[in-house]
Amino acid sequence: MRMITAFRHAVFHNYARFDGRMSRAEFWWFTLANFLIVMLYALFAGFIGAFSAGENSVLGGLVIAIYAIYMLALLLPNLAAQARRLHDAGLSAWLLLLNLLPYIGGLILLILYIFPARATGEKYGPYYDNVTP
């Protein structure tokens, strides 16, 4: 599965689908694509900020607003992808509450996302996201 295909599929086809499963490859391609988009936007914002007149410029506020809109738009797809990845590993999506624990919660979830697919994940349903590239 390609990165762009995984990103489009997670965002447009499974926007807020918390049921089902997501393969490791699709999850990590989606995560990488999201990370690269945020980093490219940060570079762009830094470039724009270098030429802005001051801290309270309208352009700076616009850049921050666009970033906030993007992050809010991808909040549900990120949570849904994480839940479906945990389902594929045979785990409950309630483990996402570990994100509320500072430092250690994110590390535990990172380790859980690396787990391979398990047969116990079948109880969460079939793959919804097996898309041919």
C-alpha atoms as a PDB file:
ATOM      1  CA  MET A   1       0.000   0.000   0.000  1.00  0.00           C
ATOM      2  CA  ARG A   2       1.319   3.419  -0.898  1.00  0.00           C
ATOM      3  CA  MET A   3       1.515   6.320   1.504  1.00  0.00           C
ATOM      4  CA  ILE A   4      -0.903   8.554  -0.387  1.00  0.00           C
ATOM      5  CA  THR A   5      -3.405   5.727  -0.821  1.00  0.00           C
ATOM      6  CA  ALA A   6      -3.273   4.916   2.887  1.00  0.00           C
ATOM      7  CA  PHE A   7      -3.732   8.566   3.832  1.00  0.00           C
ATOM      8  CA  ARG A   8      -6.649   9.115   1.447  1.00  0.00           C
ATOM      9  CA  HIS A   9      -8.318   5.900   2.533  1.00  0.00           C
ATOM     10  CA  ALA A  10      -8.002   6.663   6.247  1.00  0.00           C
ATOM     11  CA  VAL A  11      -9.214  10.232   5.861  1.00  0.00           C
ATOM     12  CA  PHE A  12     -11.908   9.983   3.199  1.00  0.00           C
ATOM     13  CA  HIS A  13     -13.225   6.413   3.365  1.00  0.00           C
ATOM     14  CA  ASN A  14     -12.811   5.706   7.088  1.00  0.00           C
ATOM     15  CA  TYR A  15     -13.054   9.234   8.499  1.00  0.00           C
ATOM     16  CA  ALA A  16     -14.703   8.299  11.793  1.00  0.00           C
ATOM     17  CA  ARG A  17     -14.984   4.526  11.514  1.00  0.00           C
ATOM     18  CA  PHE A  18     -13.927   3.076  14.860  1.00  0.00           C
ATOM     19  CA  ASP A  19     -15.044  -0.460  14.072  1.00  0.00           C
ATOM     20  CA  GLY A  20     -13.056  -2.905  12.039  1.00  0.00           C
ATOM     21  CA  ARG A  21      -9.325  -3.295  11.704  1.00  0.00           C
ATOM     22  CA  MET A  22      -6.360  -1.538  10.126  1.00  0.00           C
ATOM     23  CA  SER A  23      -3.197  -3.267   9.014  1.00  0.00           C
ATOM     24  CA  ARG A  24       0.181  -2.235  10.348  1.00  0.00           C
ATOM     25  CA  ALA A  25       1.336  -1.071   6.934  1.00  0.00           C
ATOM     26  CA  GLU A  26      -1.647   1.176   6.353  1.00  0.00           C
ATOM     27  CA  PHE A  27      -1.457   2.598   9.868  1.00  0.00           C
ATOM     28  CA  TRP A  28       2.230   3.511   9.603  1.00  0.00           C
ATOM     29  CA  TRP A  29       1.868   4.904   6.071  1.00  0.00           C
ATOM     30  CA  PHE A  30      -1.017   7.077   7.283  1.00  0.00           C
ATOM     31  CA  THR A  31       0.999   8.210  10.288  1.00  0.00           C
ATOM     32  CA  LEU A  32       4.041   8.998   8.154  1.00  0.00           C
ATOM     33  CA  ALA A  33       1.969  10.970   5.636  1.00  0.00           C
ATOM     34  CA  ASN A  34       0.351  12.990   8.411  1.00  0.00           C
ATOM     35  CA  PHE A  35       3.747  13.652  10.002  1.00  0.00           C
ATOM     36  CA  LEU A  36       5.231  14.812   6.696  1.00  0.00           C
ATOM     37  CA  ILE A  37       2.299  17.146   6.031  1.00  0.00           C
ATOM     38  CA  VAL A  38       2.692  18.720   9.468  1.00  0.00           C
ATOM     39  CA  MET A  39       6.468  19.103   9.022  1.00  0.00           C
ATOM     40  CA  LEU A  40       6.105  20.674   5.568  1.00  0.00           C
ATOM     41  CA  TYR A  41       3.522  23.061   6.945  1.00  0.00           C
ATOM     42  CA  ALA A  42       5.838  23.942   9.845  1.00  0.00           C
ATOM     43  CA  LEU A  43       8.608  24.744   7.364  1.00  0.00           C
ATOM     44  CA  PHE A  44       6.194  26.849   5.335  1.00  0.00           C
ATOM     45  CA  ALA A  45       4.969  28.642   8.481  1.00  0.00           C
ATOM     46  CA  GLY A  46       8.549  29.318   9.531  1.00  0.00           C
ATOM     47  CA  PHE A  47       9.339  30.704   6.094  1.00  0.00           C
ATOM     48  CA  ILE A  48       6.263  32.939   6.191  1.00  0.00           C
ATOM     49  CA  GLY A  49       7.006  33.962   9.775  1.00  0.00           C
ATOM     50  CA  ALA A  50      10.521  35.009   8.841  1.00  0.00           C
ATOM     51  CA  PHE A  51       9.064  37.675   6.553  1.00  0.00           C
ATOM     52  CA  SER A  52       6.175  38.819   8.735  1.00  0.00           C
ATOM     53  CA  ALA A  53       6.388  42.284  10.282  1.00  0.00           C
ATOM     54  CA  GLY A  54       5.751  41.382  13.900  1.00  0.00           C
ATOM     55  CA  GLU A  55       4.299  38.894  16.315  1.00  0.00           C
ATOM     56  CA  ASN A  56       0.769  40.229  15.950  1.00  0.00           C
ATOM     57  CA  SER A  57       0.650  40.176  12.178  1.00  0.00           C
ATOM     58  CA  VAL A  58      -2.503  39.041  10.416  1.00  0.00           C
ATOM     59  CA  LEU A  59      -0.500  36.590   8.337  1.00  0.00           C
ATOM     60  CA  GLY A  60       0.851  34.869  11.453  1.00  0.00           C
ATOM     61  CA  GLY A  61      -2.675  34.499  12.806  1.00  0.00           C
ATOM     62  CA  LEU A  62      -3.850  33.048   9.506  1.00  0.00           C
ATOM     63  CA  VAL A  63      -1.031  30.479   9.486  1.00  0.00           C
ATOM     64  CA  ILE A  64      -1.912  29.399  13.022  1.00  0.00           C
ATOM     65  CA  ALA A  65      -5.620  29.203  12.156  1.00  0.00           C
ATOM     66  CA  ILE A  66      -4.958  26.991   9.124  1.00  0.00           C
ATOM     67  CA  TYR A  67      -2.801  24.678  11.231  1.00  0.00           C
ATOM     68  CA  ALA A  68      -5.499  24.472  13.924  1.00  0.00           C
ATOM     69  CA  ILE A  69      -8.166  23.655  11.332  1.00  0.00           C
ATOM     70  CA  TYR A  70      -6.000  20.887   9.854  1.00  0.00           C
ATOM     71  CA  MET A  71      -5.323  19.355  13.260  1.00  0.00           C
ATOM     72  CA  LEU A  72      -9.000  19.475  14.217  1.00  0.00           C
ATOM     73  CA  ALA A  73     -10.017  17.982  10.863  1.00  0.00           C
ATOM     74  CA  LEU A  74      -7.656  15.054  11.372  1.00  0.00           C
ATOM     75  CA  LEU A  75      -8.492  14.453  15.036  1.00  0.00           C
ATOM     76  CA  LEU A  76     -11.205  11.866  14.313  1.00  0.00           C
ATOM     77  CA  PRO A  77      -9.294  10.044  11.548  1.00  0.00           C
ATOM     78  CA  ASN A  78      -6.259   9.781  13.838  1.00  0.00           C
ATOM     79  CA  LEU A  79      -8.287   8.389  16.722  1.00  0.00           C
ATOM     80  CA  ALA A  80     -10.182   6.036  14.405  1.00  0.00           C
ATOM     81  CA  ALA A  81      -6.940   4.763  12.851  1.00  0.00           C
ATOM     82  CA  GLN A  82      -5.439   4.155  16.269  1.00  0.00           C
ATOM     83  CA  ALA A  83      -8.564   2.327  17.452  1.00  0.00           C
ATOM     84  CA  ARG A  84      -8.678   0.134  14.342  1.00  0.00           C
ATOM     85  CA  ARG A  85      -4.946  -0.614  14.676  1.00  0.00           C
ATOM     86  CA  LEU A  86      -5.488  -1.760  18.266  1.00  0.00           C
ATOM     87  CA  HIS A  87      -8.393  -3.913  17.078  1.00  0.00           C
ATOM     88  CA  ASP A  88      -6.129  -5.563  14.514  1.00  0.00           C
ATOM     89  CA  ALA A  89      -3.711  -6.452  17.300  1.00  0.00           C
ATOM     90  CA  GLY A  90      -6.609  -8.030  19.210  1.00  0.00           C
ATOM     91  CA  LEU A  91      -6.816  -5.231  21.785  1.00  0.00           C
ATOM     92  CA  SER A  92      -9.612  -2.943  22.903  1.00  0.00           C
ATOM     93  CA  ALA A  93      -9.791   0.643  21.673  1.00  0.00           C
ATOM     94  CA  TRP A  94     -10.323   1.716  25.265  1.00  0.00           C
ATOM     95  CA  LEU A  95      -6.550   1.497  25.561  1.00  0.00           C
ATOM     96  CA  LEU A  96      -6.484   4.856  23.776  1.00  0.00           C
ATOM     97  CA  LEU A  97      -7.200   6.354  27.183  1.00  0.00           C
ATOM     98  CA  LEU A  98      -3.549   5.647  27.946  1.00  0.00           C
ATOM     99  CA  ASN A  99      -2.880   8.857  25.993  1.00  0.00           C
ATOM    100  CA  LEU A 100      -4.054  10.679  29.103  1.00  0.00           C
ATOM    101  CA  LEU A 101      -1.012   9.444  31.024  1.00  0.00           C
ATOM    102  CA  PRO A 102       1.893  11.818  30.483  1.00  0.00           C
ATOM    103  CA  TYR A 103       4.935  10.311  28.761  1.00  0.00           C
ATOM    104  CA  ILE A 104       4.393   6.648  29.628  1.00  0.00           C
ATOM    105  CA  GLY A 105       0.951   6.361  28.003  1.00  0.00           C
ATOM    106  CA  GLY A 106       2.165   7.378  24.549  1.00  0.00           C
ATOM    107  CA  LEU A 107       5.138   5.045  24.847  1.00  0.00           C
ATOM    108  CA  ILE A 108       2.926   2.096  25.801  1.00  0.00           C
ATOM    109  CA  LEU A 109       0.604   2.810  22.868  1.00  0.00           C
ATOM    110  CA  LEU A 110       3.551   3.069  20.488  1.00  0.00           C
ATOM    111  CA  ILE A 111       4.610  -0.409  21.528  1.00  0.00           C
ATOM    112  CA  LEU A 112       1.034  -1.711  21.119  1.00  0.00           C
ATOM    113  CA  TYR A 113       0.796  -0.256  17.586  1.00  0.00           C
ATOM    114  CA  ILE A 114       3.838  -2.304  16.599  1.00  0.00           C
ATOM    115  CA  PHE A 115       2.180  -5.620  17.534  1.00  0.00           C
ATOM    116  CA  PRO A 116       1.334  -7.841  14.553  1.00  0.00           C
ATOM    117  CA  ALA A 117      -2.215  -8.795  13.615  1.00  0.00           C
ATOM    118  CA  ARG A 118      -3.684 -11.478  15.818  1.00  0.00           C
ATOM    119  CA  ALA A 119      -6.426 -13.996  15.242  1.00  0.00           C
ATOM    120  CA  THR A 120      -8.296 -12.535  18.231  1.00  0.00           C
ATOM    121  CA  GLY A 121      -8.685  -9.356  16.173  1.00  0.00           C
ATOM    122  CA  GLU A 122     -11.289 -11.169  14.064  1.00  0.00           C
ATOM    123  CA  LYS A 123     -13.896 -10.429  16.740  1.00  0.00           C
ATOM    124  CA  TYR A 124     -13.692  -6.764  15.731  1.00  0.00           C
ATOM    125  CA  GLY A 125     -14.637  -7.593  12.177  1.00  0.00           C
ATOM    126  CA  PRO A 126     -12.966  -7.910   8.818  1.00  0.00           C
ATOM    127  CA  TYR A 127     -10.531  -5.472   7.323  1.00  0.00           C
ATOM    128  CA  TYR A 128     -12.394  -2.513   5.901  1.00  0.00           C
ATOM    129  CA  ASP A 129      -9.270  -1.029   4.504  1.00  0.00           C
ATOM    130  CA  ASN A 130      -7.706  -3.629   2.243  1.00  0.00           C
ATOM    131  CA  VAL A 131      -7.379  -1.378  -0.742  1.00  0.00           C
ATOM    132  CA  THR A 132      -5.292  -2.266  -3.722  1.00  0.00           C
ATOM    133  CA  PRO A 133      -2.861   0.515  -4.597  1.00  0.00           C
END
